[in-house]
C-alpha atoms as a PDB file:
ATOM      1  CA  MET A   1      79.450  89.158 111.533  1.00  0.00           C
ATOM      2  CA  SER A   2      81.303  90.043 108.318  1.00  0.00           C
ATOM      3  CA  LYS A   3      83.127  87.337 106.405  1.00  0.00           C
ATOM      4  CA  PRO A   4      86.914  87.225 106.795  1.00  0.00           C
ATOM      5  CA  SER A   5      88.646  88.750 103.764  1.00  0.00           C
ATOM      6  CA  ILE A   6      91.533  86.951 102.077  1.00  0.00           C
ATOM      7  CA  LEU A   7      93.854  88.342  99.422  1.00  0.00           C
ATOM      8  CA  VAL A   8      95.245  85.597  97.165  1.00  0.00           C
ATOM      9  CA  VAL A   9      98.371  86.595  95.234  1.00  0.00           C
ATOM     10  CA  GLU A  10      99.017  83.728  92.802  1.00  0.00           C
ATOM     11  CA  ASP A  11     100.165  83.975  89.170  1.00  0.00           C
ATOM     12  CA  GLU A  12      98.948  80.523  88.132  1.00  0.00           C
ATOM     13  CA  THR A  13      95.367  81.295  87.106  1.00  0.00           C
ATOM     14  CA  LYS A  14      94.049  77.733  87.570  1.00  0.00           C
ATOM     15  CA  ILE A  15      95.410  77.497  91.121  1.00  0.00           C
ATOM     16  CA  ALA A  16      94.111  80.987  91.915  1.00  0.00           C
ATOM     17  CA  ARG A  17      90.643  80.030  90.646  1.00  0.00           C
ATOM     18  CA  VAL A  18      90.581  76.792  92.667  1.00  0.00           C
ATOM     19  CA  LEU A  19      91.608  78.707  95.791  1.00  0.00           C
ATOM     20  CA  GLU A  20      88.933  81.329  95.125  1.00  0.00           C
ATOM     21  CA  LEU A  21      86.182  78.697  94.755  1.00  0.00           C
ATOM     22  CA  GLU A  22      87.244  76.670  97.793  1.00  0.00           C
ATOM     23  CA  LEU A  23      87.652  79.710 100.038  1.00  0.00           C
ATOM     24  CA  GLU A  24      84.357  81.269  98.974  1.00  0.00           C
ATOM     25  CA  TYR A  25      82.637  77.931  99.613  1.00  0.00           C
ATOM     26  CA  GLU A  26      84.075  78.045 103.154  1.00  0.00           C
ATOM     27  CA  GLY A  27      82.559  81.505 103.654  1.00  0.00           C
ATOM     28  CA  TYR A  28      85.531  83.789 103.011  1.00  0.00           C
ATOM     29  CA  ARG A  29      85.555  86.923 100.863  1.00  0.00           C
ATOM     30  CA  VAL A  30      88.308  86.460  98.265  1.00  0.00           C
ATOM     31  CA  THR A  31      90.166  88.883  96.018  1.00  0.00           C
ATOM     32  CA  LYS A  32      92.802  87.644  93.547  1.00  0.00           C
ATOM     33  CA  ALA A  33      95.968  89.253  92.216  1.00  0.00           C
ATOM     34  CA  HIS A  34      98.117  87.612  89.544  1.00  0.00           C
ATOM     35  CA  ASP A  35     101.389  89.469  90.073  1.00  0.00           C
ATOM     36  CA  GLY A  36     103.281  91.023  92.965  1.00  0.00           C
ATOM     37  CA  MET A  37     102.685  94.678  92.074  1.00  0.00           C
ATOM     38  CA  GLU A  38      98.926  94.140  91.752  1.00  0.00           C
ATOM     39  CA  GLY A  39      99.026  92.273  95.068  1.00  0.00           C
ATOM     40  CA  LEU A  40     100.830  95.186  96.739  1.00  0.00           C
ATOM     41  CA  ARG A  41      98.294  97.675  95.348  1.00  0.00           C
ATOM     42  CA  LEU A  42      95.333  95.620  96.558  1.00  0.00           C
ATOM     43  CA  TYR A  43      96.974  95.051  99.940  1.00  0.00           C
ATOM     44  CA  ARG A  44      97.342  98.809 100.428  1.00  0.00           C
ATOM     45  CA  GLU A  45      93.773  99.594  99.379  1.00  0.00           C
ATOM     46  CA  GLN A  46      92.031  97.905 102.297  1.00  0.00           C
ATOM     47  CA  LYS A  47      92.478  95.864 105.454  1.00  0.00           C
ATOM     48  CA  TRP A  48      92.746  92.083 105.031  1.00  0.00           C
ATOM     49  CA  ASP A  49      92.243  89.272 107.494  1.00  0.00           C
ATOM     50  CA  LEU A  50      94.801  87.030 105.773  1.00  0.00           C
ATOM     51  CA  LEU A  51      97.172  86.983 102.788  1.00  0.00           C
ATOM     52  CA  LEU A  52      98.019  83.923 100.671  1.00  0.00           C
ATOM     53  CA  LEU A  53     101.235  84.732  98.783  1.00  0.00           C
ATOM     54  CA  ASP A  54     102.935  82.669  96.114  1.00  0.00           C
ATOM     55  CA  LEU A  55     106.719  82.816  96.424  1.00  0.00           C
ATOM     56  CA  MET A  56     107.485  83.084  92.688  1.00  0.00           C
ATOM     57  CA  LEU A  57     105.549  86.029  91.271  1.00  0.00           C
ATOM     58  CA  PRO A  58     106.102  88.255  88.231  1.00  0.00           C
ATOM     59  CA  GLY A  59     106.691  91.956  88.783  1.00  0.00           C
ATOM     60  CA  LEU A  60     107.440  91.711  92.490  1.00  0.00           C
ATOM     61  CA  SER A  61     108.410  88.437  94.152  1.00  0.00           C
ATOM     62  CA  GLY A  62     106.453  87.000  97.053  1.00  0.00           C
ATOM     63  CA  THR A  63     109.388  87.562  99.395  1.00  0.00           C
ATOM     64  CA  ASP A  64     109.706  91.220  98.334  1.00  0.00           C
ATOM     65  CA  LEU A  65     105.958  91.665  98.739  1.00  0.00           C
ATOM     66  CA  LEU A  66     106.159  90.078 102.189  1.00  0.00           C
ATOM     67  CA  LYS A  67     108.985  92.460 103.150  1.00  0.00           C
ATOM     68  CA  ARG A  68     106.852  95.457 102.181  1.00  0.00           C
ATOM     69  CA  VAL A  69     103.842  94.129 104.062  1.00  0.00           C
ATOM     70  CA  ARG A  70     105.877  93.487 107.199  1.00  0.00           C
ATOM     71  CA  SER A  71     107.601  96.889 107.048  1.00  0.00           C
ATOM     72  CA  ASP A  72     104.462  98.475 108.505  1.00  0.00           C
ATOM     73  CA  ASP A  73     102.139  95.585 109.369  1.00  0.00           C
ATOM     74  CA  GLU A  74     103.181  92.897 111.823  1.00  0.00           C
ATOM     75  CA  LYS A  75      99.727  91.493 112.541  1.00  0.00           C
ATOM     76  CA  THR A  76      98.021  90.409 109.311  1.00  0.00           C
ATOM     77  CA  PRO A  77      98.590  86.641 108.938  1.00  0.00           C
ATOM     78  CA  VAL A  78     100.545  85.622 105.836  1.00  0.00           C
ATOM     79  CA  ILE A  79     100.718  82.077 104.468  1.00  0.00           C
ATOM     80  CA  MET A  80     103.288  81.473 101.727  1.00  0.00           C
ATOM     81  CA  LEU A  81     102.415  79.153  98.812  1.00  0.00           C
ATOM     82  CA  THR A  82     105.232  77.784  96.703  1.00  0.00           C
ATOM     83  CA  ALA A  83     106.463  74.887  94.627  1.00  0.00           C
ATOM     84  CA  LYS A  84     109.830  75.177  96.361  1.00  0.00           C
ATOM     85  CA  ASP A  85     110.158  72.780  99.253  1.00  0.00           C
ATOM     86  CA  ALA A  86     113.772  73.387 100.256  1.00  0.00           C
ATOM     87  CA  VAL A  87     114.241  74.006 103.964  1.00  0.00           C
ATOM     88  CA  SER A  88     116.186  77.199 103.189  1.00  0.00           C
ATOM     89  CA  ASP A  89     113.178  78.653 101.328  1.00  0.00           C
ATOM     90  CA  LYS A  90     110.865  77.877 104.220  1.00  0.00           C
ATOM     91  CA  VAL A  91     113.283  79.378 106.735  1.00  0.00           C
ATOM     92  CA  MET A  92     113.658  82.521 104.612  1.00  0.00           C
ATOM     93  CA  GLY A  93     109.889  82.989 104.367  1.00  0.00           C
ATOM     94  CA  LEU A  94     109.386  82.496 108.097  1.00  0.00           C
ATOM     95  CA  ASP A  95     112.310  84.781 108.945  1.00  0.00           C
ATOM     96  CA  LEU A  96     110.736  87.504 106.815  1.00  0.00           C
ATOM     97  CA  GLY A  97     107.551  87.277 108.841  1.00  0.00           C
ATOM     98  CA  ALA A  98     105.362  84.643 107.222  1.00  0.00           C
ATOM     99  CA  ASN A  99     103.082  82.858 109.686  1.00  0.00           C
ATOM    100  CA  ASP A 100     103.045  79.596 107.785  1.00  0.00           C
ATOM    101  CA  TYR A 101     104.347  77.907 104.653  1.00  0.00           C
ATOM    102  CA  VAL A 102     102.517  75.448 102.364  1.00  0.00           C
ATOM    103  CA  THR A 103     104.252  73.586  99.534  1.00  0.00           C
ATOM    104  CA  LYS A 104     102.534  72.895  96.205  1.00  0.00           C
ATOM    105  CA  PRO A 105     100.860  70.619  95.412  1.00  0.00           C
ATOM    106  CA  PHE A 106      98.983  71.077  98.658  1.00  0.00           C
ATOM    107  CA  ASP A 107      95.965  69.337 100.127  1.00  0.00           C
ATOM    108  CA  ILE A 108      93.140  71.881 100.224  1.00  0.00           C
ATOM    109  CA  GLU A 109      91.815  70.589 103.558  1.00  0.00           C
ATOM    110  CA  GLU A 110      95.234  71.074 105.143  1.00  0.00           C
ATOM    111  CA  LEU A 111      95.459  74.602 103.738  1.00  0.00           C
ATOM    112  CA  LEU A 112      91.972  75.424 105.055  1.00  0.00           C
ATOM    113  CA  ALA A 113      92.982  74.127 108.481  1.00  0.00           C
ATOM    114  CA  ARG A 114      96.113  76.301 108.471  1.00  0.00           C
ATOM    115  CA  ILE A 115      94.019  79.309 107.473  1.00  0.00           C
ATOM    116  CA  ARG A 116      91.623  78.672 110.371  1.00  0.00           C
ATOM    117  CA  VAL A 117      94.542  78.465 112.808  1.00  0.00           C
ATOM    118  CA  ALA A 118      96.062  81.704 111.496  1.00  0.00           C
ATOM    119  CA  LEU A 119      92.742  83.558 111.691  1.00  0.00           C
ATOM    120  CA  ARG A 120      92.027  82.209 115.168  1.00  0.00           C
ATOM    121  CA  THR A 121      95.441  83.364 116.374  1.00  0.00           C
ATOM    122  CA  LYS A 122      94.836  86.791 114.876  1.00  0.00           C
ATOM    123  CA  SER A 123      91.379  87.013 116.441  1.00  0.00           C
ATOM    124  CA  ASN A 124      92.801  86.269 119.867  1.00  0.00           C
ATOM    125  CA  GLN A 125      95.166  89.222 119.486  1.00  0.00           C
ATOM    126  CA  HIS A 126      92.174  91.558 119.546  1.00  0.00           C
ATOM    127  CA  HIS A 127      90.852  90.259 122.864  1.00  0.00           C
ATOM    128  CA  MET A 128      92.060  91.781 126.121  1.00  0.00           C
ATOM    129  CA  LYS A 129      91.023  90.745 129.605  1.00  0.00           C
ATOM    130  CA  ILE A 130      91.616  91.792 133.185  1.00  0.00           C
ATOM    131  CA  ALA A 131      89.530  90.440 136.066  1.00  0.00           C
ATOM    132  CA  ASP A 132      85.998  90.167 134.575  1.00  0.00           C
ATOM    133  CA  LEU A 133      86.532  92.997 132.073  1.00  0.00           C
ATOM    134  CA  TYR A 134      86.677  91.871 128.440  1.00  0.00           C
ATOM    135  CA  VAL A 135      87.578  94.209 125.569  1.00  0.00           C
ATOM    136  CA  ASN A 136      87.512  93.346 121.863  1.00  0.00           C
ATOM    137  CA  GLU A 137      89.595  95.959 120.085  1.00  0.00           C
ATOM    138  CA  ARG A 138      88.316  94.913 116.681  1.00  0.00           C
ATOM    139  CA  THR A 139      84.570  94.956 117.335  1.00  0.00           C
ATOM    140  CA  HIS A 140      84.674  97.673 120.051  1.00  0.00           C
ATOM    141  CA  GLU A 141      82.746  95.406 122.407  1.00  0.00           C
ATOM    142  CA  VAL A 142      83.267  95.833 126.147  1.00  0.00           C
ATOM    143  CA  HIS A 143      81.852  93.527 128.826  1.00  0.00           C
ATOM    144  CA  ARG A 144      82.101  93.529 132.587  1.00  0.00           C
ATOM    145  CA  GLY A 145      81.059  90.011 133.495  1.00  0.00           C
ATOM    146  CA  GLU A 146      77.837  89.393 131.563  1.00  0.00           C
ATOM    147  CA  GLU A 147      77.023  93.100 131.256  1.00  0.00           C
ATOM    148  CA  GLU A 148      77.779  94.907 128.008  1.00  0.00           C
ATOM    149  CA  ILE A 149      79.170  98.417 128.503  1.00  0.00           C
ATOM    150  CA  GLU A 150      78.535 101.155 125.962  1.00  0.00           C
ATOM    151  CA  LEU A 151      81.468 103.535 125.460  1.00  0.00           C
ATOM    152  CA  THR A 152      82.044 106.514 123.202  1.00  0.00           C
ATOM    153  CA  ALA A 153      84.916 106.304 120.699  1.00  0.00           C
ATOM    154  CA  LYS A 154      87.257 108.339 122.908  1.00  0.00           C
ATOM    155  CA  GLU A 155      86.319 106.419 126.065  1.00  0.00           C
ATOM    156  CA  PHE A 156      87.043 103.195 124.206  1.00  0.00           C
ATOM    157  CA  SER A 157      90.413 104.483 122.980  1.00  0.00           C
ATOM    158  CA  LEU A 158      91.362 105.449 126.535  1.00  0.00           C
ATOM    159  CA  LEU A 159      90.312 102.047 127.891  1.00  0.00           C
ATOM    160  CA  VAL A 160      92.285 100.198 125.183  1.00  0.00           C
ATOM    161  CA  TYR A 161      95.386 102.280 125.984  1.00  0.00           C
ATOM    162  CA  LEU A 162      95.013 101.481 129.671  1.00  0.00           C
ATOM    163  CA  MET A 163      94.472  97.787 128.888  1.00  0.00           C
ATOM    164  CA  LYS A 164      97.574  97.620 126.697  1.00  0.00           C
ATOM    165  CA  ASN A 165      99.563  99.171 129.531  1.00  0.00           C
ATOM    166  CA  LYS A 166      97.811  97.437 132.424  1.00  0.00           C
ATOM    167  CA  ARG A 167      99.645  97.407 135.760  1.00  0.00           C
ATOM    168  CA  GLN A 168     101.755 100.355 134.538  1.00  0.00           C
ATOM    169  CA  VAL A 169     101.230 103.763 136.131  1.00  0.00           C
ATOM    170  CA  LEU A 170     100.620 106.303 133.346  1.00  0.00           C
ATOM    171  CA  ASN A 171     100.859 110.046 133.854  1.00  0.00           C
ATOM    172  CA  ARG A 172      98.577 112.563 132.138  1.00  0.00           C
ATOM    173  CA  ASP A 173     101.124 113.408 129.440  1.00  0.00           C
ATOM    174  CA  GLN A 174     101.456 109.742 128.467  1.00  0.00           C
ATOM    175  CA  LEU A 175      97.691 109.335 128.305  1.00  0.00           C
ATOM    176  CA  LEU A 176      97.277 112.542 126.325  1.00  0.00           C
ATOM    177  CA  GLU A 177      99.858 111.497 123.751  1.00  0.00           C
ATOM    178  CA  GLY A 178      98.658 107.893 123.582  1.00  0.00           C
ATOM    179  CA  VAL A 179      94.953 108.680 123.228  1.00  0.00           C
ATOM    180  CA  TRP A 180      94.586 112.269 122.007  1.00  0.00           C
ATOM    181  CA  GLY A 181      97.870 112.503 120.088  1.00  0.00           C
ATOM    182  CA  TYR A 182     100.982 114.598 120.596  1.00  0.00           C
ATOM    183  CA  GLU A 183      99.425 117.502 118.636  1.00  0.00           C
ATOM    184  CA  TYR A 184      96.661 117.967 121.228  1.00  0.00           C
ATOM    185  CA  TYR A 185      96.920 121.404 122.816  1.00  0.00           C
ATOM    186  CA  GLY A 186      93.787 121.458 124.967  1.00  0.00           C
ATOM    187  CA  ASP A 187      93.368 121.268 128.731  1.00  0.00           C
ATOM    188  CA  THR A 188      95.221 118.314 130.283  1.00  0.00           C
ATOM    189  CA  ASN A 189      92.242 117.988 132.660  1.00  0.00           C
ATOM    190  CA  ILE A 190      90.520 116.219 129.751  1.00  0.00           C
ATOM    191  CA  VAL A 191      92.292 113.065 130.975  1.00  0.00           C
ATOM    192  CA  ASP A 192      90.720 113.349 134.426  1.00  0.00           C
ATOM    193  CA  VAL A 193      87.316 113.991 132.856  1.00  0.00           C
ATOM    194  CA  TYR A 194      87.469 110.847 130.713  1.00  0.00           C
ATOM    195  CA  ILE A 195      88.878 108.720 133.526  1.00  0.00           C
ATOM    196  CA  ARG A 196      85.806 109.747 135.516  1.00  0.00           C
ATOM    197  CA  TYR A 197      83.539 108.820 132.588  1.00  0.00           C
ATOM    198  CA  LEU A 198      85.179 105.387 132.386  1.00  0.00           C
ATOM    199  CA  ARG A 199      84.929 104.794 136.125  1.00  0.00           C
ATOM    200  CA  ASN A 200      81.235 105.621 136.104  1.00  0.00           C
ATOM    201  CA  LYS A 201      80.605 103.116 133.322  1.00  0.00           C
ATOM    202  CA  MET A 202      82.930 100.196 134.076  1.00  0.00           C
ATOM    203  CA  ASP A 203      83.853 100.452 137.764  1.00  0.00           C
ATOM    204  CA  LYS A 204      80.804 101.924 139.489  1.00  0.00           C
ATOM    205  CA  GLY A 205      78.720  99.065 140.874  1.00  0.00           C
ATOM    206  CA  TYR A 206      81.364  96.442 140.048  1.00  0.00           C
ATOM    207  CA  GLU A 207      84.027  94.699 142.100  1.00  0.00           C
ATOM    208  CA  PRO A 208      86.945  94.824 142.052  1.00  0.00           C
ATOM    209  CA  LYS A 209      87.614  98.433 141.058  1.00  0.00           C
ATOM    210  CA  LEU A 210      90.069  98.409 138.161  1.00  0.00           C
ATOM    211  CA  ILE A 211      91.046 102.041 137.548  1.00  0.00           C
ATOM    212  CA  HIS A 212      93.224 103.407 140.349  1.00  0.00           C
ATOM    213  CA  THR A 213      94.663 106.842 141.028  1.00  0.00           C
ATOM    214  CA  VAL A 214      98.324 107.051 142.018  1.00  0.00           C
ATOM    215  CA  ARG A 215      98.412 110.393 143.783  1.00  0.00           C
ATOM    216  CA  GLY A 216     100.835 112.863 142.256  1.00  0.00           C
ATOM    217  CA  VAL A 217     101.607 110.551 139.333  1.00  0.00           C
ATOM    218  CA  GLY A 218      98.622 109.398 137.300  1.00  0.00           C
ATOM    219  CA  TYR A 219      96.436 106.362 136.751  1.00  0.00           C
ATOM    220  CA  VAL A 220      96.799 102.618 136.489  1.00  0.00           C
ATOM    221  CA  LEU A 221      94.485  99.825 135.350  1.00  0.00           C
ATOM    222  CA  LYS A 222      94.984  96.740 137.518  1.00  0.00           C
ATOM    223  CA  ASP A 223      93.216  94.013 139.444  1.00  0.00           C
ATOM    224  CA  PRO A 224      94.110  94.782 143.085  1.00  0.00           C
ATOM    225  CA  ARG A 225      93.589  91.148 144.034  1.00  0.00           C
END
């Protein structure tokens, strides 16, 4: 399993170095930025498991950086670090989408605990379950009970779309747009073909059956019990 990656955006070099050493000792991969613009560039260059943002940054403030992150990314956990301890500052950071707020000087063990909570919450967002079917969107692992199920990339995408819309009847056009994209101009029967592939892999030989046909409408993923 790869180490969780953390981007630390902190202009005080000594604090940034301490954070880097402590986090690497705990098994995280750490990248540092010392101003807001550098932090924004690094954020956009790759996916991160968590961001540690100082509130007062040169170039681009922590709140402005947070706004830009949250404009297109609602999931990556963000913990704000700041010397300001006014309630209004904390409320502002949380209202902008921060997951947590730690005031300097902070206890490193408390910060590490908050990081673990944030990462655990994020990890749980990737897990989906219905009946005895488990899907991990991040690792592309699929299990039915104790059995691991191997799916192609497109089969997995279709299953994830069904899982995210479980108990909702989806017609072929919705499935085509959600899985193949609105620019797909091929045969709409491709949906039926891939539903059959999925059924053969994750329903055949298992109970209860989870993929159901609603005649004249489309398909639905649900536990009939």
